Amino acid sequence: MEENYNALVPDHIFMGGSSDVEHMVKNEHIDVVVDLREEATQCAYPDPKIQRIQVPIGDNAEPPQEELFKQAIQHVMETYKSGKKIGFHCGGGKG
């Protein structure tokens, strides 16, 4: 199956849509999923081995998006520096 996600940092950080998460987990062996969907209540591909961070992008996000982004970026940098792989996703992978 053709992958619809992109490597932002080859072999380490990926970006796609919610339908790409399973492929990122299975093909790229990501360790952390950063979910950018405001409306999401669970991971797009639940897997007990994968850590999920939600950074809801939208008009009604709580707490303020600046704080969420700051926390997420700090966590992603720590994860990246430790050699783990990260997959970002929104709903459709186009935003």
C-alpha atoms as a PDB file:
ATOM      1  CA  MET A   1       0.000   0.000   0.000  1.00  0.00           C
ATOM      2  CA  GLU A   2       1.249   3.472  -0.840  1.00  0.00           C
ATOM      3  CA  GLU A   3       2.137   5.667   2.117  1.00  0.00           C
ATOM      4  CA  ASN A   4       0.374   9.022   2.235  1.00  0.00           C
ATOM      5  CA  TYR A   5       2.529  10.451   5.004  1.00  0.00           C
ATOM      6  CA  ASN A   6       5.812  12.339   4.756  1.00  0.00           C
ATOM      7  CA  ALA A   7       9.130  12.136   6.553  1.00  0.00           C
ATOM      8  CA  LEU A   8       9.819  15.532   8.121  1.00  0.00           C
ATOM      9  CA  VAL A   9      13.152  14.261   9.459  1.00  0.00           C
ATOM     10  CA  PRO A  10      14.116  11.126   7.519  1.00  0.00           C
ATOM     11  CA  ASP A  11      13.713   7.937   9.565  1.00  0.00           C
ATOM     12  CA  HIS A  12      12.716   9.887  12.723  1.00  0.00           C
ATOM     13  CA  ILE A  13       9.777  12.318  12.420  1.00  0.00           C
ATOM     14  CA  PHE A  14       6.742  11.746  10.192  1.00  0.00           C
ATOM     15  CA  MET A  15       3.539  13.664   9.354  1.00  0.00           C
ATOM     16  CA  GLY A  16       0.271  12.387   7.921  1.00  0.00           C
ATOM     17  CA  GLY A  17      -3.431  11.995   8.474  1.00  0.00           C
ATOM     18  CA  SER A  18      -5.254   9.903  11.060  1.00  0.00           C
ATOM     19  CA  SER A  19      -5.608   7.078   8.522  1.00  0.00           C
ATOM     20  CA  ASP A  20      -1.782   6.978   8.217  1.00  0.00           C
ATOM     21  CA  VAL A  21      -1.045   6.294  11.893  1.00  0.00           C
ATOM     22  CA  GLU A  22      -1.318   2.502  11.596  1.00  0.00           C
ATOM     23  CA  HIS A  23       1.149   2.556   8.687  1.00  0.00           C
ATOM     24  CA  MET A  24       3.550   4.825  10.597  1.00  0.00           C
ATOM     25  CA  VAL A  25       3.427   2.446  13.562  1.00  0.00           C
ATOM     26  CA  LYS A  26       3.913  -0.690  11.479  1.00  0.00           C
ATOM     27  CA  ASN A  27       6.296   0.619   8.791  1.00  0.00           C
ATOM     28  CA  GLU A  28       8.313   3.288  10.597  1.00  0.00           C
ATOM     29  CA  HIS A  29       8.085   1.827  14.119  1.00  0.00           C
ATOM     30  CA  ILE A  30       7.176   5.165  15.681  1.00  0.00           C
ATOM     31  CA  ASP A  31       7.226   5.372  19.471  1.00  0.00           C
ATOM     32  CA  VAL A  32       5.181   8.545  19.978  1.00  0.00           C
ATOM     33  CA  VAL A  33       2.051   9.810  18.200  1.00  0.00           C
ATOM     34  CA  VAL A  34       1.319  13.535  18.336  1.00  0.00           C
ATOM     35  CA  ASP A  35      -2.399  13.895  17.602  1.00  0.00           C
ATOM     36  CA  LEU A  36      -3.330  17.366  16.353  1.00  0.00           C
ATOM     37  CA  ARG A  37      -7.082  16.726  16.133  1.00  0.00           C
ATOM     38  CA  GLU A  38      -9.188  18.918  18.398  1.00  0.00           C
ATOM     39  CA  GLU A  39     -12.160  16.554  18.417  1.00  0.00           C
ATOM     40  CA  ALA A  40     -10.236  13.313  19.100  1.00  0.00           C
ATOM     41  CA  THR A  41     -10.876  11.311  22.240  1.00  0.00           C
ATOM     42  CA  GLN A  42      -8.513   8.426  21.483  1.00  0.00           C
ATOM     43  CA  CYS A  43      -5.545   7.549  19.314  1.00  0.00           C
ATOM     44  CA  ALA A  44      -6.237   6.949  15.615  1.00  0.00           C
ATOM     45  CA  TYR A  45      -4.473   3.576  15.969  1.00  0.00           C
ATOM     46  CA  PRO A  46      -4.489   2.491  19.624  1.00  0.00           C
ATOM     47  CA  ASP A  47      -1.416   0.483  20.545  1.00  0.00           C
ATOM     48  CA  PRO A  48      -0.264   0.032  24.156  1.00  0.00           C
ATOM     49  CA  LYS A  49       3.386   0.397  23.076  1.00  0.00           C
ATOM     50  CA  ILE A  50       2.797   3.843  21.561  1.00  0.00           C
ATOM     51  CA  GLN A  51       2.669   7.014  23.631  1.00  0.00           C
ATOM     52  CA  ARG A  52       0.022   9.517  22.500  1.00  0.00           C
ATOM     53  CA  ILE A  53       0.292  13.260  22.979  1.00  0.00           C
ATOM     54  CA  GLN A  54      -2.687  15.367  21.978  1.00  0.00           C
ATOM     55  CA  VAL A  55      -2.122  18.951  20.850  1.00  0.00           C
ATOM     56  CA  PRO A  56      -5.611  19.967  19.722  1.00  0.00           C
ATOM     57  CA  ILE A  57      -5.455  22.555  16.968  1.00  0.00           C
ATOM     58  CA  GLY A  58      -8.697  24.452  16.684  1.00  0.00           C
ATOM     59  CA  ASP A  59     -10.701  27.423  17.806  1.00  0.00           C
ATOM     60  CA  ASN A  60     -11.930  25.854  21.055  1.00  0.00           C
ATOM     61  CA  ALA A  61      -8.771  24.147  22.313  1.00  0.00           C
ATOM     62  CA  GLU A  62      -8.179  24.111  26.058  1.00  0.00           C
ATOM     63  CA  PRO A  63      -5.689  24.783  27.629  1.00  0.00           C
ATOM     64  CA  PRO A  64      -4.350  27.572  25.421  1.00  0.00           C
ATOM     65  CA  GLN A  65      -2.580  26.222  22.337  1.00  0.00           C
ATOM     66  CA  GLU A  66       0.653  28.069  23.108  1.00  0.00           C
ATOM     67  CA  GLU A  67       1.119  26.051  26.293  1.00  0.00           C
ATOM     68  CA  LEU A  68       0.186  22.787  24.569  1.00  0.00           C
ATOM     69  CA  PHE A  69       2.672  23.459  21.766  1.00  0.00           C
ATOM     70  CA  LYS A  70       5.411  24.340  24.232  1.00  0.00           C
ATOM     71  CA  GLN A  71       4.878  21.095  26.151  1.00  0.00           C
ATOM     72  CA  ALA A  72       4.597  19.023  22.975  1.00  0.00           C
ATOM     73  CA  ILE A  73       7.730  20.520  21.400  1.00  0.00           C
ATOM     74  CA  GLN A  74       9.716  19.907  24.574  1.00  0.00           C
ATOM     75  CA  HIS A  75       8.536  16.308  24.704  1.00  0.00           C
ATOM     76  CA  VAL A  76       9.185  15.746  20.991  1.00  0.00           C
ATOM     77  CA  MET A  77      12.722  17.135  21.290  1.00  0.00           C
ATOM     78  CA  GLU A  78      13.456  14.891  24.278  1.00  0.00           C
ATOM     79  CA  THR A  79      11.998  11.920  22.401  1.00  0.00           C
ATOM     80  CA  TYR A  80      13.981  12.713  19.245  1.00  0.00           C
ATOM     81  CA  LYS A  81      17.240  13.169  21.190  1.00  0.00           C
ATOM     82  CA  SER A  82      16.690   9.791  22.870  1.00  0.00           C
ATOM     83  CA  GLY A  83      16.548   8.135  19.430  1.00  0.00           C
ATOM     84  CA  LYS A  84      12.824   7.405  19.361  1.00  0.00           C
ATOM     85  CA  LYS A  85      10.576   7.993  16.358  1.00  0.00           C
ATOM     86  CA  ILE A  86       7.611  10.382  16.249  1.00  0.00           C
ATOM     87  CA  GLY A  87       4.524  10.576  14.048  1.00  0.00           C
ATOM     88  CA  PHE A  88       2.398  13.735  13.863  1.00  0.00           C
ATOM     89  CA  HIS A  89      -1.091  13.595  12.432  1.00  0.00           C
ATOM     90  CA  CYS A  90      -4.206  15.646  11.928  1.00  0.00           C
ATOM     91  CA  GLY A  91      -7.509  14.380  10.590  1.00  0.00           C
ATOM     92  CA  GLY A  92      -6.812  14.337   6.868  1.00  0.00           C
ATOM     93  CA  GLY A  93      -3.062  14.890   6.566  1.00  0.00           C
ATOM     94  CA  LYS A  94      -3.505  18.008   4.452  1.00  0.00           C
ATOM     95  CA  GLY A  95      -3.613  20.792   7.036  1.00  0.00           C
END
